[in-house]
Amino acid sequence: MLGEGNVILMIPKKYAPLLFGLVLSAIMSFIISGVATWKAVGFEPNFFGVWMGSWLASWLVAFPTVTLVAPLAKRAVGMLITKD
């Protein structure tokens, strides 16, 4: 993001897990909702509009889900890997 005088505004590191979840959920829900919309309605003239509506609805579910489930997934991975 550019701020005053073309200075790049950075997000504090403490928000990295939340930002990661935001970006991950956006990308995943975008792709999955596109595939699901295509399977449901095909490439109709209003495909993009239907897809974007589906994506927004799915992202509203995906982001809080990723945020809540990520610590559990990290714990599960920790139990499955060797301790170096």
Protein backbone atom coordinates (compact mmCIF):
# COMPACT_ATOMS: atom_id res chain seq x y z
CA MET A 1 0.00 0.00 0.00
CA LEU A 2 1.34 3.44 -0.82
CA GLY A 3 1.03 6.18 1.72
CA GLU A 4 1.88 9.85 1.70
CA GLY A 5 5.00 10.63 -0.34
CA ASN A 6 4.95 7.13 -1.94
CA VAL A 7 6.07 5.47 1.29
CA ILE A 8 5.04 1.83 1.47
CA LEU A 9 2.86 1.15 4.50
CA MET A 10 3.64 -2.22 6.03
CA ILE A 11 1.51 -4.29 8.36
CA PRO A 12 3.09 -5.11 11.74
CA LYS A 13 4.55 -8.63 12.01
CA LYS A 14 2.21 -9.55 14.87
CA TYR A 15 -0.66 -9.63 12.35
CA ALA A 16 1.12 -12.11 10.03
CA PRO A 17 -0.99 -15.16 11.01
CA LEU A 18 -4.22 -13.24 10.49
CA LEU A 19 -3.01 -11.81 7.17
CA PHE A 20 -1.88 -15.26 6.06
CA GLY A 21 -5.37 -16.62 6.80
CA LEU A 22 -6.97 -13.74 4.94
CA VAL A 23 -4.85 -14.27 1.81
CA LEU A 24 -5.07 -18.08 1.92
CA SER A 25 -8.85 -18.10 2.39
CA ALA A 26 -9.30 -15.54 -0.41
CA ILE A 27 -7.28 -17.55 -2.91
CA MET A 28 -8.70 -20.95 -1.97
CA SER A 29 -12.33 -19.80 -1.88
CA PHE A 30 -11.85 -17.94 -5.20
CA ILE A 31 -10.62 -21.08 -6.98
CA ILE A 32 -13.04 -23.52 -5.35
CA SER A 33 -16.10 -21.30 -5.85
CA GLY A 34 -15.12 -20.85 -9.50
CA VAL A 35 -14.96 -24.59 -10.08
CA ALA A 36 -18.19 -25.20 -8.16
CA THR A 37 -19.99 -22.42 -10.05
CA TRP A 38 -18.77 -23.76 -13.38
CA LYS A 39 -19.98 -27.28 -12.46
CA ALA A 40 -23.36 -25.93 -11.30
CA VAL A 41 -24.23 -23.47 -14.10
CA GLY A 42 -21.63 -23.91 -16.84
CA PHE A 43 -20.11 -20.99 -18.70
CA GLU A 44 -23.31 -19.01 -19.05
CA PRO A 45 -23.33 -15.31 -20.05
CA ASN A 46 -23.58 -14.21 -16.39
CA PHE A 47 -20.98 -16.72 -15.16
CA PHE A 48 -18.58 -14.12 -13.76
CA GLY A 49 -21.32 -12.36 -11.76
CA VAL A 50 -22.62 -15.63 -10.33
CA TRP A 51 -19.07 -16.69 -9.51
CA MET A 52 -18.26 -13.44 -7.69
CA GLY A 53 -21.45 -13.76 -5.62
CA SER A 54 -20.53 -17.32 -4.73
CA TRP A 55 -16.95 -16.32 -3.95
CA LEU A 56 -17.98 -13.54 -1.57
CA ALA A 57 -20.34 -15.84 0.31
CA SER A 58 -17.74 -18.60 0.53
CA TRP A 59 -14.97 -16.21 1.61
CA LEU A 60 -17.16 -14.97 4.45
CA VAL A 61 -17.21 -18.57 5.72
CA ALA A 62 -13.64 -19.51 4.73
CA PHE A 63 -11.78 -16.72 6.52
CA PRO A 64 -13.14 -17.31 10.02
CA THR A 65 -12.86 -21.07 9.46
CA VAL A 66 -9.18 -20.83 8.49
CA THR A 67 -8.53 -18.52 11.43
CA LEU A 68 -10.12 -20.94 13.89
CA VAL A 69 -8.83 -24.20 12.39
CA ALA A 70 -5.20 -23.17 11.67
CA PRO A 71 -3.97 -23.70 15.25
CA LEU A 72 -5.53 -27.18 15.31
CA ALA A 73 -3.93 -28.04 11.97
CA LYS A 74 -0.53 -26.81 13.19
CA ARG A 75 -0.87 -28.96 16.31
CA ALA A 76 -1.83 -32.01 14.23
CA VAL A 77 1.13 -31.49 11.91
CA GLY A 78 3.39 -31.14 14.94
CA MET A 79 2.27 -34.57 16.15
CA LEU A 80 2.95 -36.14 12.74
CA ILE A 81 6.50 -34.93 12.18
CA THR A 82 9.77 -35.96 13.76
CA LYS A 83 11.36 -33.84 16.43
CA ASP A 84 14.80 -32.78 15.18
